[in-house]
Amino acid sequence: MERIEKTEELIAHLARVVDDLSDVVARQEAQLARIERRLGMLIEREAEREAEAGGGVPLADQRPPHW
């Protein structure tokens, strides 16, 4: 009987850990989506800024000076 109770306690503990980890993953997914949106906006803004500056090749596509 004691063995069954320990197994039930272990299962309950593992179920709680799985739920907690699921919540963490869901929060990270939402955070990653926000970061990706912000990065996209920054890339667009920088491309517009470079286009307005009249540069021929965008800075991101230029070779570094040591090449």
C-alpha atoms as a PDB file:
ATOM      1  CA  MET A   1       0.000   0.000   0.000  1.00  0.00           C
ATOM      2  CA  GLU A   2       2.844   2.383   0.847  1.00  0.00           C
ATOM      3  CA  ARG A   3       4.387   1.767  -2.550  1.00  0.00           C
ATOM      4  CA  ILE A   4       1.159   2.785  -4.298  1.00  0.00           C
ATOM      5  CA  GLU A   5       0.941   5.985  -2.228  1.00  0.00           C
ATOM      6  CA  LYS A   6       4.533   6.921  -3.073  1.00  0.00           C
ATOM      7  CA  THR A   7       3.830   6.279  -6.747  1.00  0.00           C
ATOM      8  CA  GLU A   8       0.706   8.448  -6.590  1.00  0.00           C
ATOM      9  CA  GLU A   9       2.676  11.239  -4.886  1.00  0.00           C
ATOM     10  CA  LEU A  10       5.381  11.009  -7.531  1.00  0.00           C
ATOM     11  CA  ILE A  11       2.817  11.156 -10.343  1.00  0.00           C
ATOM     12  CA  ALA A  12       1.137  14.179  -8.743  1.00  0.00           C
ATOM     13  CA  HIS A  13       4.506  15.910  -8.390  1.00  0.00           C
ATOM     14  CA  LEU A  14       5.454  15.150 -11.998  1.00  0.00           C
ATOM     15  CA  ALA A  15       2.070  16.372 -13.243  1.00  0.00           C
ATOM     16  CA  ARG A  16       2.610  19.665 -11.424  1.00  0.00           C
ATOM     17  CA  VAL A  17       6.106  20.031 -12.867  1.00  0.00           C
ATOM     18  CA  VAL A  18       4.783  19.379 -16.369  1.00  0.00           C
ATOM     19  CA  ASP A  19       2.071  22.024 -15.889  1.00  0.00           C
ATOM     20  CA  ASP A  20       4.630  24.527 -14.578  1.00  0.00           C
ATOM     21  CA  LEU A  21       6.949  23.874 -17.508  1.00  0.00           C
ATOM     22  CA  SER A  22       4.072  24.211 -19.930  1.00  0.00           C
ATOM     23  CA  ASP A  23       3.317  27.651 -18.488  1.00  0.00           C
ATOM     24  CA  VAL A  24       6.969  28.660 -18.850  1.00  0.00           C
ATOM     25  CA  VAL A  25       7.044  27.536 -22.484  1.00  0.00           C
ATOM     26  CA  ALA A  26       3.821  29.430 -23.227  1.00  0.00           C
ATOM     27  CA  ARG A  27       5.258  32.641 -21.722  1.00  0.00           C
ATOM     28  CA  GLN A  28       8.496  32.219 -23.658  1.00  0.00           C
ATOM     29  CA  GLU A  29       6.567  31.667 -26.883  1.00  0.00           C
ATOM     30  CA  ALA A  30       4.647  34.913 -26.370  1.00  0.00           C
ATOM     31  CA  GLN A  31       7.841  36.774 -25.495  1.00  0.00           C
ATOM     32  CA  LEU A  32       9.624  35.405 -28.558  1.00  0.00           C
ATOM     33  CA  ALA A  33       6.734  36.475 -30.791  1.00  0.00           C
ATOM     34  CA  ARG A  34       6.954  40.034 -29.382  1.00  0.00           C
ATOM     35  CA  ILE A  35      10.721  40.104 -29.904  1.00  0.00           C
ATOM     36  CA  GLU A  36      10.357  38.880 -33.493  1.00  0.00           C
ATOM     37  CA  ARG A  37       7.763  41.594 -34.230  1.00  0.00           C
ATOM     38  CA  ARG A  38      10.019  44.276 -32.754  1.00  0.00           C
ATOM     39  CA  LEU A  39      13.012  43.005 -34.705  1.00  0.00           C
ATOM     40  CA  GLY A  40      10.981  43.084 -37.923  1.00  0.00           C
ATOM     41  CA  MET A  41       9.957  46.673 -37.225  1.00  0.00           C
ATOM     42  CA  LEU A  42      13.558  47.667 -36.518  1.00  0.00           C
ATOM     43  CA  ILE A  43      14.779  46.032 -39.723  1.00  0.00           C
ATOM     44  CA  GLU A  44      12.117  47.845 -41.746  1.00  0.00           C
ATOM     45  CA  ARG A  45      12.891  51.155 -40.052  1.00  0.00           C
ATOM     46  CA  GLU A  46      16.617  50.774 -40.695  1.00  0.00           C
ATOM     47  CA  ALA A  47      16.007  49.855 -44.342  1.00  0.00           C
ATOM     48  CA  GLU A  48      13.867  52.974 -44.762  1.00  0.00           C
ATOM     49  CA  ARG A  49      16.519  55.112 -43.070  1.00  0.00           C
ATOM     50  CA  GLU A  50      19.242  53.743 -45.322  1.00  0.00           C
ATOM     51  CA  ALA A  51      17.061  54.276 -48.411  1.00  0.00           C
ATOM     52  CA  GLU A  52      16.423  57.897 -47.396  1.00  0.00           C
ATOM     53  CA  ALA A  53      20.133  58.468 -46.870  1.00  0.00           C
ATOM     54  CA  GLY A  54      20.664  57.604 -50.529  1.00  0.00           C
ATOM     55  CA  GLY A  55      23.338  55.005 -49.910  1.00  0.00           C
ATOM     56  CA  GLY A  56      23.962  52.598 -52.739  1.00  0.00           C
ATOM     57  CA  VAL A  57      24.344  49.376 -50.797  1.00  0.00           C
ATOM     58  CA  PRO A  58      22.610  48.922 -47.441  1.00  0.00           C
ATOM     59  CA  LEU A  59      25.063  48.701 -44.558  1.00  0.00           C
ATOM     60  CA  ALA A  60      23.934  45.167 -43.736  1.00  0.00           C
ATOM     61  CA  ASP A  61      24.991  44.068 -47.238  1.00  0.00           C
ATOM     62  CA  GLN A  62      28.329  45.876 -47.335  1.00  0.00           C
ATOM     63  CA  ARG A  63      31.569  44.018 -46.809  1.00  0.00           C
ATOM     64  CA  PRO A  64      33.527  45.002 -43.719  1.00  0.00           C
ATOM     65  CA  PRO A  65      36.529  47.262 -44.394  1.00  0.00           C
ATOM     66  CA  HIS A  66      39.049  44.505 -43.656  1.00  0.00           C
ATOM     67  CA  TRP A  67      37.822  42.421 -46.639  1.00  0.00           C
END
